[in-house]
Protein backbone atom coordinates (compact mmCIF):
# COMPACT_ATOMS: atom_id res chain seq x y z
CA UNK A 1 144.54 44.70 299.18
CA UNK A 2 143.08 41.29 297.85
CA UNK A 3 141.11 41.18 294.65
CA UNK A 4 138.13 39.05 295.07
CA UNK A 5 137.80 36.22 292.30
CA UNK A 6 134.86 36.77 290.35
CA UNK A 7 131.84 33.53 290.26
CA UNK A 8 131.54 31.67 287.40
CA UNK A 9 128.11 31.10 286.98
CA UNK A 10 127.08 26.97 287.61
CA UNK A 11 124.64 25.69 285.99
CA UNK A 12 121.44 24.76 287.59
CA UNK A 13 121.23 21.04 287.91
CA UNK A 14 117.70 20.93 288.58
CA UNK A 15 116.87 22.55 284.34
CA UNK A 16 119.74 20.46 283.13
CA UNK A 17 118.22 17.41 284.57
CA UNK A 18 114.91 18.58 282.88
CA UNK A 19 116.59 19.11 279.62
CA UNK A 20 118.35 15.32 279.41
CA UNK A 21 115.23 13.55 280.86
CA UNK A 22 112.96 15.44 277.81
CA UNK A 23 115.49 14.50 275.98
CA UNK A 24 116.12 10.80 276.82
CA UNK A 25 112.36 10.28 276.74
CA UNK A 26 109.98 9.86 273.46
CA UNK A 27 108.58 13.22 273.99
CA UNK A 28 111.08 14.77 270.98
CA UNK A 29 110.24 12.47 268.69
CA UNK A 30 106.60 12.47 269.03
CA UNK A 31 107.04 16.60 268.12
CA UNK A 32 109.07 15.57 265.49
CA UNK A 33 106.46 13.15 264.20
CA UNK A 34 103.10 15.69 264.59
CA UNK A 35 105.37 18.37 262.61
CA UNK A 36 106.24 15.73 260.46
CA UNK A 37 102.38 14.66 260.21
CA UNK A 38 101.24 18.31 259.47
CA UNK A 39 103.57 19.05 256.82
CA UNK A 40 102.60 15.89 255.28
CA UNK A 41 99.07 16.31 255.53
CA UNK A 42 99.19 19.68 254.03
CA UNK A 43 100.89 18.34 251.47
CA UNK A 44 99.14 15.35 250.30
CA UNK A 45 95.62 17.18 250.42
CA UNK A 46 97.06 19.93 247.92
CA UNK A 47 98.43 16.99 245.37
CA UNK A 48 95.68 15.64 243.19
CA UNK A 49 94.79 13.59 245.84
CA UNK A 50 93.24 16.39 247.60
CA UNK A 51 89.72 16.27 245.73
CA UNK A 52 89.31 12.93 245.55
CA UNK A 53 89.89 13.06 249.71
CA UNK A 54 87.30 16.36 249.63
CA UNK A 55 84.55 14.63 248.07
CA UNK A 56 85.22 11.36 250.65
CA UNK A 57 84.44 13.70 253.67
CA UNK A 58 82.53 16.03 252.45
CA UNK A 59 80.91 15.44 249.20
CA UNK A 60 81.45 17.50 245.58
CA UNK A 61 80.85 21.27 246.18
CA UNK A 62 77.49 22.19 244.30
CA UNK A 63 77.14 24.84 241.17
CA UNK A 64 79.51 23.11 238.97
CA UNK A 65 79.61 25.33 235.41
CA UNK A 66 79.65 23.65 232.15
CA UNK A 67 81.57 23.40 228.81
CA UNK A 68 81.90 27.08 228.04
CA UNK A 69 83.41 25.71 224.96
CA UNK A 70 79.72 24.99 223.45
CA UNK A 71 79.64 28.63 223.79
CA UNK A 72 82.13 30.29 221.16
CA UNK A 73 80.92 28.35 217.91
CA UNK A 74 76.87 30.37 218.01
CA UNK A 75 78.92 33.62 219.28
CA UNK A 76 81.60 33.41 216.78
CA UNK A 77 79.10 32.54 214.27
CA UNK A 78 76.24 34.93 214.79
CA UNK A 79 78.84 38.31 215.00
CA UNK A 80 80.47 36.94 211.75
CA UNK A 81 77.14 37.13 209.94
CA UNK A 82 76.15 40.34 211.70
CA UNK A 83 77.36 43.69 209.41
CA UNK A 84 78.74 45.01 212.86
CA UNK A 85 80.21 42.31 214.56
CA UNK A 86 77.15 42.23 217.24
CA UNK A 87 76.50 39.27 219.89
CA UNK A 88 73.67 38.03 219.98
CA UNK A 89 70.70 40.67 221.45
CA UNK A 90 67.42 39.72 221.37
CA UNK A 91 65.82 43.01 223.57
CA UNK A 92 68.45 42.82 225.72
CA UNK A 93 67.04 40.01 227.55
CA UNK A 94 69.33 37.55 228.92
CA UNK A 95 67.60 34.99 228.55
CA UNK A 96 66.10 35.61 224.71
CA UNK A 97 69.21 36.10 224.05
CA UNK A 98 70.20 32.60 225.26
CA UNK A 99 67.28 31.28 222.82
CA UNK A 100 68.99 33.02 219.88
CA UNK A 101 72.12 31.21 220.94
CA UNK A 102 70.19 27.46 221.30
CA UNK A 103 69.53 27.80 217.54
CA UNK A 104 73.04 27.52 216.25
CA UNK A 105 72.65 24.03 217.83
CA UNK A 106 71.54 20.76 216.10
CA UNK A 107 67.95 20.32 216.01
CA UNK A 108 66.51 18.58 218.95
CA UNK A 109 69.49 19.51 221.25
CA UNK A 110 68.41 23.34 221.30
CA UNK A 111 65.87 23.43 223.59
CA UNK A 112 68.15 20.67 225.84
CA UNK A 113 70.87 22.95 225.57
CA UNK A 114 68.63 26.39 226.38
CA UNK A 115 67.64 24.47 229.95
CA UNK A 116 70.72 23.87 231.11
CA UNK A 117 71.94 27.23 230.02
CA UNK A 118 69.31 30.01 230.74
CA UNK A 119 69.04 29.05 234.50
CA UNK A 120 72.36 28.58 235.68
CA UNK A 121 73.88 31.55 233.46
CA UNK A 122 73.29 35.19 232.68
CA UNK A 123 73.97 36.81 229.46
CA UNK A 124 75.24 40.71 229.06
CA UNK A 125 73.55 41.52 225.76
CA UNK A 126 75.05 44.30 223.83
CA UNK A 127 78.69 43.80 223.18
CA UNK A 128 80.48 42.92 220.06
CA UNK A 129 83.66 42.25 217.80
CA UNK A 130 86.65 44.66 218.55
CA UNK A 131 85.13 46.08 221.83
CA UNK A 132 87.78 45.77 225.32
CA UNK A 133 88.76 42.42 226.01
CA UNK A 134 87.94 42.05 229.32
CA UNK A 135 84.34 43.10 229.66
CA UNK A 136 81.45 40.86 230.76
CA UNK A 137 79.78 38.30 228.13
CA UNK A 138 78.45 35.54 230.10
CA UNK A 139 78.46 34.81 234.44
CA UNK A 140 77.67 31.73 236.37
CA UNK A 141 74.22 33.37 238.67
CA UNK A 142 75.90 32.40 241.80
CA UNK A 143 79.54 31.77 243.24
CA UNK A 144 81.31 28.40 243.19
CA UNK A 145 84.30 26.54 244.38
CA UNK A 146 85.23 25.43 241.25
CA UNK A 147 87.20 26.56 238.39
CA UNK A 148 86.58 24.75 235.33
CA UNK A 149 83.73 22.21 234.93
CA UNK A 150 87.05 19.18 234.38
CA UNK A 151 88.79 19.84 237.58
CA UNK A 152 86.92 18.82 240.74
CA UNK A 153 87.05 21.59 243.24
CA UNK A 154 87.68 20.97 247.33
CA UNK A 155 85.75 21.50 250.21
CA UNK A 156 87.65 24.17 251.72
CA UNK A 157 88.80 26.05 248.29
CA UNK A 158 87.85 29.55 247.70
CA UNK A 159 84.55 30.17 246.35
CA UNK A 160 84.25 32.75 243.68
CA UNK A 161 82.31 34.08 240.67
CA UNK A 162 82.83 32.58 237.20
CA UNK A 163 82.90 35.11 234.09
CA UNK A 164 83.57 34.60 230.44
CA UNK A 165 84.75 37.95 228.88
CA UNK A 166 84.63 38.77 225.50
CA UNK A 167 88.15 38.02 224.32
CA UNK A 168 87.91 34.70 225.39
CA UNK A 169 84.54 34.31 223.84
CA UNK A 170 85.41 35.60 220.62
CA UNK A 171 89.41 34.32 220.88
CA UNK A 172 90.16 38.01 220.13
CA UNK A 173 93.59 39.25 221.78
CA UNK A 174 94.19 36.32 223.96
CA UNK A 175 97.88 37.56 225.12
CA UNK A 176 96.98 41.11 225.67
CA UNK A 177 96.10 40.86 229.29
CA UNK A 178 96.93 38.42 232.82
CA UNK A 179 93.79 36.00 233.40
CA UNK A 180 92.80 36.15 236.92
CA UNK A 181 92.16 32.11 237.82
CA UNK A 182 91.52 31.05 234.39
CA UNK A 183 89.84 28.53 234.06
CA UNK A 184 87.97 26.93 230.47
CA UNK A 185 87.67 30.30 228.66
CA UNK A 186 86.77 31.87 231.63
CA UNK A 187 87.88 33.78 234.53
CA UNK A 188 87.33 33.59 238.36
CA UNK A 189 86.91 36.53 239.99
CA UNK A 190 86.56 37.79 243.96
CA UNK A 191 83.05 39.41 244.79
CA UNK A 192 84.27 43.08 244.50
CA UNK A 193 86.45 42.13 241.04
CA UNK A 194 83.10 40.94 239.52
CA UNK A 195 81.36 43.74 240.81
CA UNK A 196 83.70 46.31 239.24
CA UNK A 197 84.27 43.96 236.06
CA UNK A 198 80.00 43.89 235.77
CA UNK A 199 80.11 47.64 236.51
CA UNK A 200 82.32 48.57 233.64
CA UNK A 201 80.56 46.69 231.39
CA UNK A 202 77.51 48.57 231.50
CA UNK A 203 78.49 51.45 231.84
CA UNK A 204 80.46 50.83 228.59
CA UNK A 205 77.09 49.63 227.37
CA UNK A 206 75.43 52.87 228.61
CA UNK A 207 78.75 55.42 227.40
CA UNK A 208 78.49 54.02 223.65
CA UNK A 209 74.37 53.78 223.47
CA UNK A 210 74.38 49.75 222.38
CA UNK A 211 70.53 48.53 221.45
CA UNK A 212 69.01 48.09 224.44
CA UNK A 213 71.43 49.32 227.07
CA UNK A 214 68.66 50.64 229.34
CA UNK A 215 66.81 46.78 229.51
CA UNK A 216 70.45 45.37 229.70
CA UNK A 217 71.73 47.57 233.00
CA UNK A 218 68.22 47.10 234.52
CA UNK A 219 68.45 43.42 234.37
CA UNK A 220 71.88 43.05 235.43
CA UNK A 221 71.54 45.64 238.44
CA UNK A 222 70.07 43.05 240.49
CA UNK A 223 73.33 40.99 240.35
CA UNK A 224 74.97 44.31 241.40
CA UNK A 225 73.07 44.87 244.27
CA UNK A 226 73.67 41.42 245.55
CA UNK A 227 77.33 42.06 244.94
CA UNK A 228 77.56 45.42 247.20
CA UNK A 229 74.82 43.68 249.69
CA UNK A 230 77.42 40.89 250.22
CA UNK A 231 80.36 43.06 250.35
CA UNK A 232 78.38 45.49 252.75
CA UNK A 233 78.10 42.49 255.32
CA UNK A 234 81.72 41.55 255.43
């Protein structure tokens, strides 16, 4: 009886030659350089130089927020002088309430302040000190890539809605919850998060029968409808 010898597979000379040729040529160097370049660019764009590069290539994103610290003094002063701790509420109107807030600024500055803030922001009247801190008091009327007016965003940053919640405006319970993309006395929310927070605020005003709540709900329902329409398109 004869035992047949098992043949050992031999390497394919052609494939071995191709691998050797690729290693011996600049191909692998080019691949490594490409990978290094991609990583380096990604890190560089996320560095402090990212906004500078973005501005040079695409320009600075529009709809920058204003300095929210300008809101705290007038709001707190008004609430501290109100027997019930209510914040400015001029018949439930956002514009009329902004006019009340503007009067707490120096003479000669009030009109300029009003013209800057009223077209750009919306104010939700009817809240008072001690209400749930996450309720929305101010919000930027249009979405933006900015998170704070002191930090220039990049053109590829995600858009969001800037809101100034009650607790950050009245400096109450600042450590009681986690904030979402915190900016300057503000948070930046997604479309869905903003819709839920604004709806919660309006529901709270209605449930507690706050002064002029009907006017407040009617005015800010326009924003809710816009948010719902945006979500419906997704």
